[in-house]
Amino acid sequence: MVESGDAVMRPETGQAAAGPEIWVRGPVTEPEARPPDPAPLASARRFSWVATHGGAGSTTLATVFGGHDAGRNWPRPDQGEPGSVLLVGRTHAAGLDAVSHTLDIFRRGDAPPGLDLDAIVLVADAPGRLPRQLVQRVKVIGSVIDVYRVPWVPAWRTGDLSGPPPRESAALARLTGRTP
């Protein structure tokens, strides 16, 4: 080999070597078989979707993203229902009021024992952008807990839940284990 500047040139081809030569002292043996990866310590986290008001969308979200639809009831971990809660509300004023009220129940420690509030999921109440006043209220809620937004999906309105989750809800899909 001939050194030319930074590159090492092969005299027989006149081309730069692909990488440094490595000299190994002693016999070369087959690498040991890699032990199998350990089994996961726990299964994937399961969630209960809790509607903070009628029409919030918990049933649709449970169908699309998986998990337990608790409706407007608290989940019952003692009966096998997931204790990890995702609160669901619409992005209109009444929906955000209901979300704030239910969030306050958790803040005060008045939620049933065994429940863990993981996030708030806000479902668009109409297509388009939110008015500034509602955006401000979403920011206030987001200052206390993680907020996931789900856009308006016209197919869901007609009951067609067969498609993949919307692209804009990719973070929620990752949280729930449902890839978009």
N, C-alpha and C. Protein backbone atom coordinates (compact mmCIF):
# COMPACT_ATOMS: atom_id res chain seq x y z
N MET A 1 0.85 -1.17 0.00
CA MET A 1 0.00 0.00 0.00
C MET A 1 0.90 1.23 0.00
N VAL A 2 0.45 2.25 -0.70
CA VAL A 2 1.17 3.51 -0.79
C VAL A 2 0.26 4.59 -0.23
N GLU A 3 0.81 5.42 0.66
CA GLU A 3 0.01 6.51 1.21
C GLU A 3 0.08 7.70 0.27
N SER A 4 -1.09 8.29 -0.01
CA SER A 4 -1.14 9.47 -0.87
C SER A 4 -2.04 10.49 -0.18
N GLY A 5 -1.45 11.45 0.51
CA GLY A 5 -2.25 12.42 1.26
C GLY A 5 -2.97 11.73 2.39
N ASP A 6 -4.28 11.87 2.44
CA ASP A 6 -5.08 11.24 3.50
C ASP A 6 -5.51 9.83 3.12
N ALA A 7 -5.52 9.52 1.83
CA ALA A 7 -6.04 8.22 1.38
C ALA A 7 -4.90 7.22 1.27
N VAL A 8 -5.21 5.98 1.47
CA VAL A 8 -4.28 4.88 1.29
C VAL A 8 -4.58 4.29 -0.07
N MET A 9 -3.60 4.26 -0.97
CA MET A 9 -3.80 3.79 -2.34
C MET A 9 -3.32 2.36 -2.48
N ARG A 10 -4.07 1.55 -3.21
CA ARG A 10 -3.66 0.18 -3.53
C ARG A 10 -2.83 0.24 -4.82
N PRO A 11 -1.56 -0.21 -4.75
CA PRO A 11 -0.70 -0.11 -5.95
C PRO A 11 -1.22 -0.94 -7.12
N GLU A 12 -1.86 -2.07 -6.84
CA GLU A 12 -2.30 -2.94 -7.93
C GLU A 12 -3.47 -2.35 -8.71
N THR A 13 -4.31 -1.51 -8.06
CA THR A 13 -5.48 -0.94 -8.75
C THR A 13 -5.39 0.56 -8.91
N GLY A 14 -4.57 1.21 -8.10
CA GLY A 14 -4.47 2.66 -8.16
C GLY A 14 -5.67 3.36 -7.52
N GLN A 15 -6.51 2.60 -6.81
CA GLN A 15 -7.70 3.18 -6.18
C GLN A 15 -7.49 3.23 -4.66
N ALA A 16 -8.25 4.14 -4.04
CA ALA A 16 -8.17 4.27 -2.58
C ALA A 16 -8.75 3.03 -1.93
N ALA A 17 -8.15 2.62 -0.83
CA ALA A 17 -8.65 1.48 -0.07
C ALA A 17 -9.99 1.84 0.56
N ALA A 18 -10.85 0.85 0.75
CA ALA A 18 -12.18 1.07 1.30
C ALA A 18 -12.13 1.49 2.76
N GLY A 19 -11.13 1.12 3.47
CA GLY A 19 -11.04 1.46 4.89
C GLY A 19 -9.71 1.00 5.43
N PRO A 20 -9.48 1.20 6.70
CA PRO A 20 -8.20 0.80 7.26
C PRO A 20 -8.08 -0.72 7.31
N GLU A 21 -6.84 -1.18 7.12
CA GLU A 21 -6.59 -2.61 7.27
C GLU A 21 -6.49 -2.91 8.76
N ILE A 22 -7.04 -4.03 9.17
CA ILE A 22 -6.97 -4.42 10.56
C ILE A 22 -6.22 -5.73 10.63
N TRP A 23 -5.19 -5.76 11.47
CA TRP A 23 -4.41 -6.97 11.66
C TRP A 23 -4.83 -7.58 12.97
N VAL A 24 -5.15 -8.88 12.93
CA VAL A 24 -5.56 -9.59 14.13
C VAL A 24 -4.46 -10.56 14.49
N ARG A 25 -4.06 -10.54 15.74
CA ARG A 25 -3.02 -11.44 16.20
C ARG A 25 -3.69 -12.65 16.82
N GLY A 26 -3.32 -13.82 16.42
CA GLY A 26 -3.87 -15.04 16.97
C GLY A 26 -4.93 -15.62 16.04
N PRO A 27 -5.46 -16.78 16.39
CA PRO A 27 -6.43 -17.44 15.52
C PRO A 27 -7.77 -16.68 15.49
N VAL A 28 -8.39 -16.71 14.34
CA VAL A 28 -9.69 -16.10 14.18
C VAL A 28 -10.74 -17.19 14.34
N THR A 29 -11.70 -16.96 15.21
CA THR A 29 -12.75 -17.95 15.44
C THR A 29 -14.09 -17.34 15.09
N GLU A 30 -15.08 -18.20 14.99
CA GLU A 30 -16.44 -17.73 14.74
C GLU A 30 -16.92 -16.94 15.95
N PRO A 31 -17.65 -15.85 15.72
CA PRO A 31 -18.17 -15.10 16.87
C PRO A 31 -19.18 -15.95 17.64
N GLU A 32 -19.21 -15.71 18.95
CA GLU A 32 -20.16 -16.44 19.78
C GLU A 32 -21.59 -16.06 19.40
N ALA A 33 -22.48 -17.02 19.52
CA ALA A 33 -23.88 -16.73 19.23
C ALA A 33 -24.39 -15.70 20.24
N ARG A 34 -25.10 -14.72 19.73
CA ARG A 34 -25.64 -13.67 20.59
C ARG A 34 -26.84 -14.21 21.34
N PRO A 35 -26.90 -13.97 22.64
CA PRO A 35 -28.06 -14.47 23.38
C PRO A 35 -29.33 -13.77 22.90
N PRO A 36 -30.45 -14.46 22.96
CA PRO A 36 -31.69 -13.83 22.51
C PRO A 36 -32.04 -12.62 23.38
N ASP A 37 -32.74 -11.66 22.77
CA ASP A 37 -33.17 -10.48 23.52
C ASP A 37 -34.12 -10.92 24.63
N PRO A 38 -34.00 -10.28 25.78
CA PRO A 38 -34.91 -10.66 26.87
C PRO A 38 -36.35 -10.28 26.52
N ALA A 39 -37.27 -11.03 27.05
CA ALA A 39 -38.68 -10.74 26.83
C ALA A 39 -39.01 -9.42 27.51
N PRO A 40 -39.94 -8.65 26.93
CA PRO A 40 -40.30 -7.39 27.59
C PRO A 40 -40.81 -7.64 29.00
N LEU A 41 -40.50 -6.71 29.90
CA LEU A 41 -40.90 -6.87 31.29
C LEU A 41 -42.40 -6.74 31.48
N ALA A 42 -43.02 -5.91 30.67
CA ALA A 42 -44.46 -5.72 30.80
C ALA A 42 -45.08 -5.65 29.42
N SER A 43 -46.33 -5.99 29.34
CA SER A 43 -47.01 -5.90 28.06
C SER A 43 -47.26 -4.43 27.74
N ALA A 44 -47.67 -4.17 26.51
CA ALA A 44 -47.94 -2.79 26.11
C ALA A 44 -49.00 -2.19 27.02
N ARG A 45 -48.84 -0.93 27.29
CA ARG A 45 -49.78 -0.24 28.17
C ARG A 45 -51.15 -0.15 27.53
N ARG A 46 -52.17 -0.42 28.30
CA ARG A 46 -53.55 -0.33 27.82
C ARG A 46 -54.19 0.91 28.43
N PHE A 47 -55.11 1.50 27.69
CA PHE A 47 -55.74 2.74 28.13
C PHE A 47 -57.25 2.59 28.19
N SER A 48 -57.84 3.41 29.05
CA SER A 48 -59.29 3.59 29.09
C SER A 48 -59.58 4.99 28.58
N TRP A 49 -60.46 5.09 27.62
CA TRP A 49 -60.90 6.37 27.08
C TRP A 49 -62.10 6.81 27.90
N VAL A 50 -62.00 7.97 28.54
CA VAL A 50 -63.08 8.48 29.38
C VAL A 50 -63.59 9.78 28.77
N ALA A 51 -64.87 9.79 28.40
CA ALA A 51 -65.50 10.98 27.84
C ALA A 51 -65.80 11.97 28.95
N THR A 52 -65.43 13.22 28.75
CA THR A 52 -65.71 14.24 29.75
C THR A 52 -67.10 14.85 29.56
N HIS A 53 -67.73 14.53 28.45
CA HIS A 53 -69.08 15.02 28.16
C HIS A 53 -69.67 14.14 27.06
N GLY A 54 -70.96 14.20 26.90
CA GLY A 54 -71.62 13.43 25.84
C GLY A 54 -71.12 13.86 24.47
N GLY A 55 -70.90 12.90 23.58
CA GLY A 55 -70.45 13.21 22.23
C GLY A 55 -68.98 13.56 22.12
N ALA A 56 -68.21 13.28 23.14
CA ALA A 56 -66.79 13.64 23.13
C ALA A 56 -66.00 12.86 22.09
N GLY A 57 -66.39 11.62 21.83
CA GLY A 57 -65.69 10.81 20.84
C GLY A 57 -64.91 9.64 21.41
N SER A 58 -65.14 9.28 22.66
CA SER A 58 -64.37 8.19 23.27
C SER A 58 -64.61 6.86 22.57
N THR A 59 -65.83 6.61 22.14
CA THR A 59 -66.13 5.34 21.47
C THR A 59 -65.39 5.26 20.14
N THR A 60 -65.40 6.34 19.39
CA THR A 60 -64.70 6.37 18.10
C THR A 60 -63.20 6.19 18.31
N LEU A 61 -62.63 6.89 19.28
CA LEU A 61 -61.19 6.79 19.52
C LEU A 61 -60.79 5.40 19.99
N ALA A 62 -61.61 4.79 20.85
CA ALA A 62 -61.31 3.43 21.30
C ALA A 62 -61.35 2.45 20.12
N THR A 63 -62.26 2.68 19.19
CA THR A 63 -62.35 1.81 18.01
C THR A 63 -61.14 2.02 17.10
N VAL A 64 -60.77 3.26 16.85
CA VAL A 64 -59.69 3.57 15.91
C VAL A 64 -58.32 3.27 16.50
N PHE A 65 -58.09 3.66 17.76
CA PHE A 65 -56.76 3.54 18.37
C PHE A 65 -56.62 2.34 19.30
N GLY A 66 -57.72 1.67 19.60
CA GLY A 66 -57.67 0.54 20.52
C GLY A 66 -57.82 1.01 21.96
N GLY A 67 -58.11 0.09 22.84
CA GLY A 67 -58.27 0.42 24.24
C GLY A 67 -59.70 0.21 24.69
N HIS A 68 -59.93 0.55 25.94
CA HIS A 68 -61.24 0.33 26.57
C HIS A 68 -62.04 1.62 26.52
N ASP A 69 -63.26 1.55 26.02
CA ASP A 69 -64.16 2.70 26.02
C ASP A 69 -64.95 2.67 27.32
N ALA A 70 -64.61 3.58 28.23
CA ALA A 70 -65.31 3.65 29.51
C ALA A 70 -66.54 4.56 29.42
N GLY A 71 -66.70 5.22 28.28
CA GLY A 71 -67.81 6.15 28.14
C GLY A 71 -67.64 7.29 29.14
N ARG A 72 -68.73 7.65 29.83
CA ARG A 72 -68.66 8.73 30.82
C ARG A 72 -68.45 8.20 32.23
N ASN A 73 -68.10 6.93 32.35
CA ASN A 73 -67.86 6.30 33.66
C ASN A 73 -66.36 6.21 33.92
N TRP A 74 -66.02 6.09 35.20
CA TRP A 74 -64.63 5.84 35.55
C TRP A 74 -64.33 4.38 35.26
N PRO A 75 -63.14 4.08 34.75
CA PRO A 75 -62.78 2.66 34.56
C PRO A 75 -62.64 1.97 35.92
N ARG A 76 -62.81 0.66 35.89
CA ARG A 76 -62.74 -0.14 37.12
C ARG A 76 -61.56 -1.11 37.02
N PRO A 77 -60.39 -0.69 37.46
CA PRO A 77 -59.21 -1.57 37.39
C PRO A 77 -59.42 -2.88 38.14
N ASP A 78 -60.22 -2.86 39.22
CA ASP A 78 -60.46 -4.08 39.98
C ASP A 78 -61.26 -5.11 39.17
N GLN A 79 -61.85 -4.68 38.07
CA GLN A 79 -62.59 -5.60 37.19
C GLN A 79 -61.86 -5.80 35.86
N GLY A 80 -60.58 -5.49 35.84
CA GLY A 80 -59.76 -5.75 34.66
C GLY A 80 -59.73 -4.62 33.64
N GLU A 81 -60.40 -3.52 33.90
CA GLU A 81 -60.36 -2.40 32.98
C GLU A 81 -59.08 -1.60 33.22
N PRO A 82 -58.45 -1.09 32.16
CA PRO A 82 -57.19 -0.36 32.33
C PRO A 82 -57.36 0.87 33.21
N GLY A 83 -56.42 1.07 34.11
CA GLY A 83 -56.45 2.22 35.00
C GLY A 83 -55.76 3.45 34.42
N SER A 84 -55.10 3.29 33.28
CA SER A 84 -54.47 4.42 32.61
C SER A 84 -55.54 5.16 31.81
N VAL A 85 -55.78 6.42 32.15
CA VAL A 85 -56.90 7.16 31.60
C VAL A 85 -56.46 8.19 30.57
N LEU A 86 -57.18 8.22 29.46
CA LEU A 86 -57.08 9.28 28.48
C LEU A 86 -58.42 10.00 28.49
N LEU A 87 -58.44 11.23 28.97
CA LEU A 87 -59.68 12.01 29.00
C LEU A 87 -59.94 12.57 27.61
N VAL A 88 -61.19 12.48 27.18
CA VAL A 88 -61.56 12.91 25.83
C VAL A 88 -62.58 14.03 25.91
N GLY A 89 -62.36 15.06 25.08
CA GLY A 89 -63.31 16.15 24.98
C GLY A 89 -63.24 16.78 23.61
N ARG A 90 -64.30 17.49 23.25
CA ARG A 90 -64.32 18.23 21.99
C ARG A 90 -63.67 19.59 22.20
N THR A 91 -63.32 20.24 21.10
CA THR A 91 -62.62 21.51 21.18
C THR A 91 -63.55 22.71 21.25
N HIS A 92 -64.86 22.51 21.38
CA HIS A 92 -65.75 23.67 21.56
C HIS A 92 -65.71 24.11 23.02
N ALA A 93 -66.30 25.26 23.32
CA ALA A 93 -66.22 25.85 24.66
C ALA A 93 -66.76 24.90 25.73
N ALA A 94 -67.91 24.30 25.49
CA ALA A 94 -68.49 23.39 26.49
C ALA A 94 -67.60 22.16 26.69
N GLY A 95 -67.00 21.66 25.61
CA GLY A 95 -66.10 20.51 25.73
C GLY A 95 -64.86 20.84 26.54
N LEU A 96 -64.28 22.02 26.31
CA LEU A 96 -63.10 22.43 27.07
C LEU A 96 -63.44 22.68 28.53
N ASP A 97 -64.66 23.19 28.80
CA ASP A 97 -65.11 23.34 30.19
C ASP A 97 -65.17 21.98 30.88
N ALA A 98 -65.74 21.00 30.19
CA ALA A 98 -65.87 19.65 30.75
C ALA A 98 -64.50 19.02 31.00
N VAL A 99 -63.58 19.21 30.06
CA VAL A 99 -62.22 18.69 30.23
C VAL A 99 -61.57 19.34 31.45
N SER A 100 -61.69 20.66 31.58
CA SER A 100 -61.09 21.37 32.72
C SER A 100 -61.69 20.90 34.04
N HIS A 101 -62.99 20.70 34.06
CA HIS A 101 -63.66 20.22 35.27
C HIS A 101 -63.14 18.83 35.67
N THR A 102 -63.05 17.92 34.70
CA THR A 102 -62.59 16.56 35.00
C THR A 102 -61.11 16.55 35.37
N LEU A 103 -60.33 17.38 34.72
CA LEU A 103 -58.92 17.51 35.07
C LEU A 103 -58.77 17.99 36.51
N ASP A 104 -59.64 18.89 36.93
CA ASP A 104 -59.62 19.39 38.30
C ASP A 104 -59.95 18.29 39.31
N ILE A 105 -60.80 17.35 38.91
CA ILE A 105 -61.11 16.20 39.79
C ILE A 105 -59.82 15.41 40.07
N PHE A 106 -59.02 15.19 39.05
CA PHE A 106 -57.74 14.49 39.25
C PHE A 106 -56.79 15.35 40.09
N ARG A 107 -56.74 16.65 39.81
CA ARG A 107 -55.83 17.54 40.53
C ARG A 107 -56.13 17.55 42.03
N ARG A 108 -57.40 17.54 42.38
CA ARG A 108 -57.80 17.54 43.79
C ARG A 108 -57.63 16.17 44.45
N GLY A 109 -57.39 15.13 43.67
CA GLY A 109 -57.27 13.78 44.23
C GLY A 109 -58.61 13.12 44.47
N ASP A 110 -59.65 13.61 43.79
CA ASP A 110 -61.00 13.06 43.99
C ASP A 110 -61.35 11.96 42.99
N ALA A 111 -60.45 11.63 42.09
CA ALA A 111 -60.71 10.52 41.16
C ALA A 111 -60.61 9.21 41.93
N PRO A 112 -61.30 8.18 41.47
CA PRO A 112 -61.23 6.88 42.17
C PRO A 112 -59.79 6.38 42.27
N PRO A 113 -59.48 5.68 43.34
CA PRO A 113 -58.12 5.14 43.50
C PRO A 113 -57.80 4.15 42.39
N GLY A 114 -56.53 4.09 42.04
CA GLY A 114 -56.07 3.13 41.03
C GLY A 114 -56.08 3.68 39.62
N LEU A 115 -56.50 4.95 39.45
CA LEU A 115 -56.52 5.55 38.12
C LEU A 115 -55.32 6.47 37.95
N ASP A 116 -54.77 6.45 36.76
CA ASP A 116 -53.62 7.27 36.42
C ASP A 116 -53.98 8.08 35.19
N LEU A 117 -54.03 9.40 35.32
CA LEU A 117 -54.35 10.26 34.19
C LEU A 117 -53.11 10.43 33.33
N ASP A 118 -53.18 9.94 32.10
CA ASP A 118 -52.02 9.99 31.20
C ASP A 118 -52.02 11.21 30.30
N ALA A 119 -53.17 11.59 29.77
CA ALA A 119 -53.21 12.71 28.83
C ALA A 119 -54.65 13.12 28.58
N ILE A 120 -54.77 14.26 27.92
CA ILE A 120 -56.06 14.76 27.43
C ILE A 120 -56.05 14.59 25.92
N VAL A 121 -57.15 14.13 25.37
CA VAL A 121 -57.29 14.01 23.92
C VAL A 121 -58.43 14.92 23.50
N LEU A 122 -58.10 15.91 22.67
CA LEU A 122 -59.10 16.85 22.19
C LEU A 122 -59.44 16.55 20.74
N VAL A 123 -60.72 16.31 20.51
CA VAL A 123 -61.21 15.97 19.17
C VAL A 123 -61.83 17.23 18.57
N ALA A 124 -61.46 17.54 17.33
CA ALA A 124 -61.99 18.72 16.67
C ALA A 124 -63.51 18.65 16.61
N ASP A 125 -64.14 19.77 16.95
CA ASP A 125 -65.60 19.84 16.92
C ASP A 125 -66.11 20.27 15.56
N ALA A 126 -65.22 20.74 14.69
CA ALA A 126 -65.59 21.19 13.34
C ALA A 126 -64.32 21.23 12.50
N PRO A 127 -64.47 21.23 11.18
CA PRO A 127 -63.27 21.37 10.35
C PRO A 127 -62.71 22.79 10.46
N GLY A 128 -61.43 22.94 10.21
CA GLY A 128 -60.82 24.26 10.22
C GLY A 128 -60.10 24.57 11.52
N ARG A 129 -59.63 25.80 11.58
CA ARG A 129 -58.85 26.26 12.74
C ARG A 129 -59.74 26.64 13.90
N LEU A 130 -59.16 26.53 15.09
CA LEU A 130 -59.88 26.94 16.29
C LEU A 130 -59.83 28.46 16.43
N PRO A 131 -60.90 29.06 16.96
CA PRO A 131 -60.84 30.48 17.28
C PRO A 131 -59.78 30.74 18.37
N ARG A 132 -59.23 31.95 18.36
CA ARG A 132 -58.13 32.30 19.26
C ARG A 132 -58.46 32.03 20.73
N GLN A 133 -59.70 32.33 21.16
CA GLN A 133 -60.06 32.11 22.57
C GLN A 133 -59.95 30.63 22.94
N LEU A 134 -60.34 29.76 22.02
CA LEU A 134 -60.27 28.32 22.31
C LEU A 134 -58.82 27.83 22.27
N VAL A 135 -58.02 28.37 21.37
CA VAL A 135 -56.59 28.02 21.31
C VAL A 135 -55.94 28.35 22.65
N GLN A 136 -56.28 29.51 23.22
CA GLN A 136 -55.72 29.91 24.52
C GLN A 136 -56.12 28.91 25.61
N ARG A 137 -57.35 28.47 25.59
CA ARG A 137 -57.81 27.51 26.61
C ARG A 137 -57.10 26.17 26.46
N VAL A 138 -56.85 25.76 25.21
CA VAL A 138 -56.10 24.51 24.98
C VAL A 138 -54.68 24.66 25.52
N LYS A 139 -54.07 25.83 25.34
CA LYS A 139 -52.72 26.07 25.86
C LYS A 139 -52.69 25.98 27.38
N VAL A 140 -53.71 26.51 28.03
CA VAL A 140 -53.77 26.45 29.50
C VAL A 140 -53.84 24.99 29.95
N ILE A 141 -54.70 24.21 29.31
CA ILE A 141 -54.80 22.78 29.66
C ILE A 141 -53.47 22.09 29.39
N GLY A 142 -52.83 22.43 28.26
CA GLY A 142 -51.55 21.83 27.90
C GLY A 142 -50.42 22.21 28.83
N SER A 143 -50.59 23.27 29.61
CA SER A 143 -49.55 23.65 30.57
C SER A 143 -49.57 22.74 31.80
N VAL A 144 -50.65 21.97 31.95
CA VAL A 144 -50.82 21.10 33.12
C VAL A 144 -50.54 19.64 32.77
N ILE A 145 -50.90 19.24 31.56
CA ILE A 145 -50.81 17.83 31.15
C ILE A 145 -50.64 17.75 29.64
N ASP A 146 -50.14 16.62 29.16
CA ASP A 146 -49.99 16.43 27.71
C ASP A 146 -51.36 16.45 27.05
N VAL A 147 -51.42 17.16 25.93
CA VAL A 147 -52.66 17.25 25.15
C VAL A 147 -52.38 16.72 23.75
N TYR A 148 -53.22 15.81 23.30
CA TYR A 148 -53.15 15.27 21.94
C TYR A 148 -54.37 15.78 21.20
N ARG A 149 -54.15 16.28 19.99
CA ARG A 149 -55.24 16.81 19.18
C ARG A 149 -55.56 15.83 18.06
N VAL A 150 -56.85 15.64 17.84
CA VAL A 150 -57.32 14.79 16.75
C VAL A 150 -58.12 15.69 15.81
N PRO A 151 -57.76 15.72 14.53
CA PRO A 151 -58.44 16.61 13.61
C PRO A 151 -59.86 16.13 13.25
N TRP A 152 -60.58 16.98 12.57
CA TRP A 152 -61.89 16.63 12.04
C TRP A 152 -61.70 15.57 10.96
N VAL A 153 -62.42 14.46 11.08
CA VAL A 153 -62.33 13.38 10.09
C VAL A 153 -63.74 13.16 9.54
N PRO A 154 -64.02 13.63 8.32
CA PRO A 154 -65.37 13.51 7.77
C PRO A 154 -65.89 12.08 7.74
N ALA A 155 -65.03 11.11 7.47
CA ALA A 155 -65.48 9.71 7.40
C ALA A 155 -66.00 9.23 8.75
N TRP A 156 -65.43 9.71 9.83
CA TRP A 156 -65.89 9.29 11.16
C TRP A 156 -67.31 9.77 11.41
N ARG A 157 -67.66 10.92 10.85
CA ARG A 157 -68.99 11.47 11.07
C ARG A 157 -70.07 10.55 10.50
N THR A 158 -69.74 9.86 9.41
CA THR A 158 -70.70 8.94 8.79
C THR A 158 -70.55 7.52 9.30
N GLY A 159 -69.66 7.31 10.28
CA GLY A 159 -69.50 5.99 10.88
C GLY A 159 -68.45 5.12 10.23
N ASP A 160 -67.70 5.63 9.25
CA ASP A 160 -66.65 4.86 8.60
C ASP A 160 -65.36 4.99 9.41
N LEU A 161 -65.08 3.97 10.22
CA LEU A 161 -63.89 3.97 11.07
C LEU A 161 -62.83 3.01 10.56
N SER A 162 -62.96 2.59 9.30
CA SER A 162 -62.09 1.54 8.76
C SER A 162 -60.71 2.05 8.35
N GLY A 163 -60.56 3.32 8.09
CA GLY A 163 -59.27 3.84 7.64
C GLY A 163 -58.26 3.94 8.76
N PRO A 164 -57.01 4.26 8.40
CA PRO A 164 -55.98 4.44 9.43
C PRO A 164 -56.24 5.74 10.19
N PRO A 165 -55.63 5.87 11.36
CA PRO A 165 -55.76 7.13 12.10
C PRO A 165 -55.23 8.29 11.26
N PRO A 166 -55.75 9.48 11.45
CA PRO A 166 -55.26 10.62 10.67
C PRO A 166 -53.79 10.90 10.95
N ARG A 167 -53.10 11.37 9.92
CA ARG A 167 -51.68 11.68 10.02
C ARG A 167 -51.37 12.65 11.15
N GLU A 168 -52.25 13.62 11.35
CA GLU A 168 -52.02 14.63 12.37
C GLU A 168 -52.06 14.07 13.79
N SER A 169 -52.53 12.86 13.95
CA SER A 169 -52.59 12.26 15.28
C SER A 169 -51.53 11.16 15.46
N ALA A 170 -50.42 11.30 14.75
CA ALA A 170 -49.35 10.30 14.82
C ALA A 170 -48.80 10.13 16.24
N ALA A 171 -48.68 11.23 16.99
CA ALA A 171 -48.17 11.14 18.36
C ALA A 171 -49.12 10.33 19.24
N LEU A 172 -50.42 10.52 19.06
CA LEU A 172 -51.40 9.74 19.82
C LEU A 172 -51.33 8.27 19.40
N ALA A 173 -51.14 8.02 18.13
CA ALA A 173 -51.01 6.64 17.65
C ALA A 173 -49.80 5.96 18.29
N ARG A 174 -48.70 6.70 18.43
CA ARG A 174 -47.51 6.13 19.09
C ARG A 174 -47.80 5.86 20.56
N LEU A 175 -48.46 6.79 21.21
CA LEU A 175 -48.79 6.61 22.63
C LEU A 175 -49.63 5.36 22.86
N THR A 176 -50.62 5.15 22.01
CA THR A 176 -51.53 4.02 22.18
C THR A 176 -51.03 2.73 21.53
N GLY A 177 -49.93 2.82 20.80
CA GLY A 177 -49.40 1.62 20.16
C GLY A 177 -50.03 1.31 18.82
N ARG A 178 -50.83 2.21 18.30
CA ARG A 178 -51.48 2.02 17.00
C ARG A 178 -50.74 2.87 15.98
N THR A 179 -49.98 2.25 15.11
CA THR A 179 -49.21 3.02 14.14
C THR A 179 -50.11 3.48 13.01
N PRO A 180 -49.93 4.75 12.59
CA PRO A 180 -50.77 5.26 11.51
C PRO A 180 -50.42 4.67 10.17
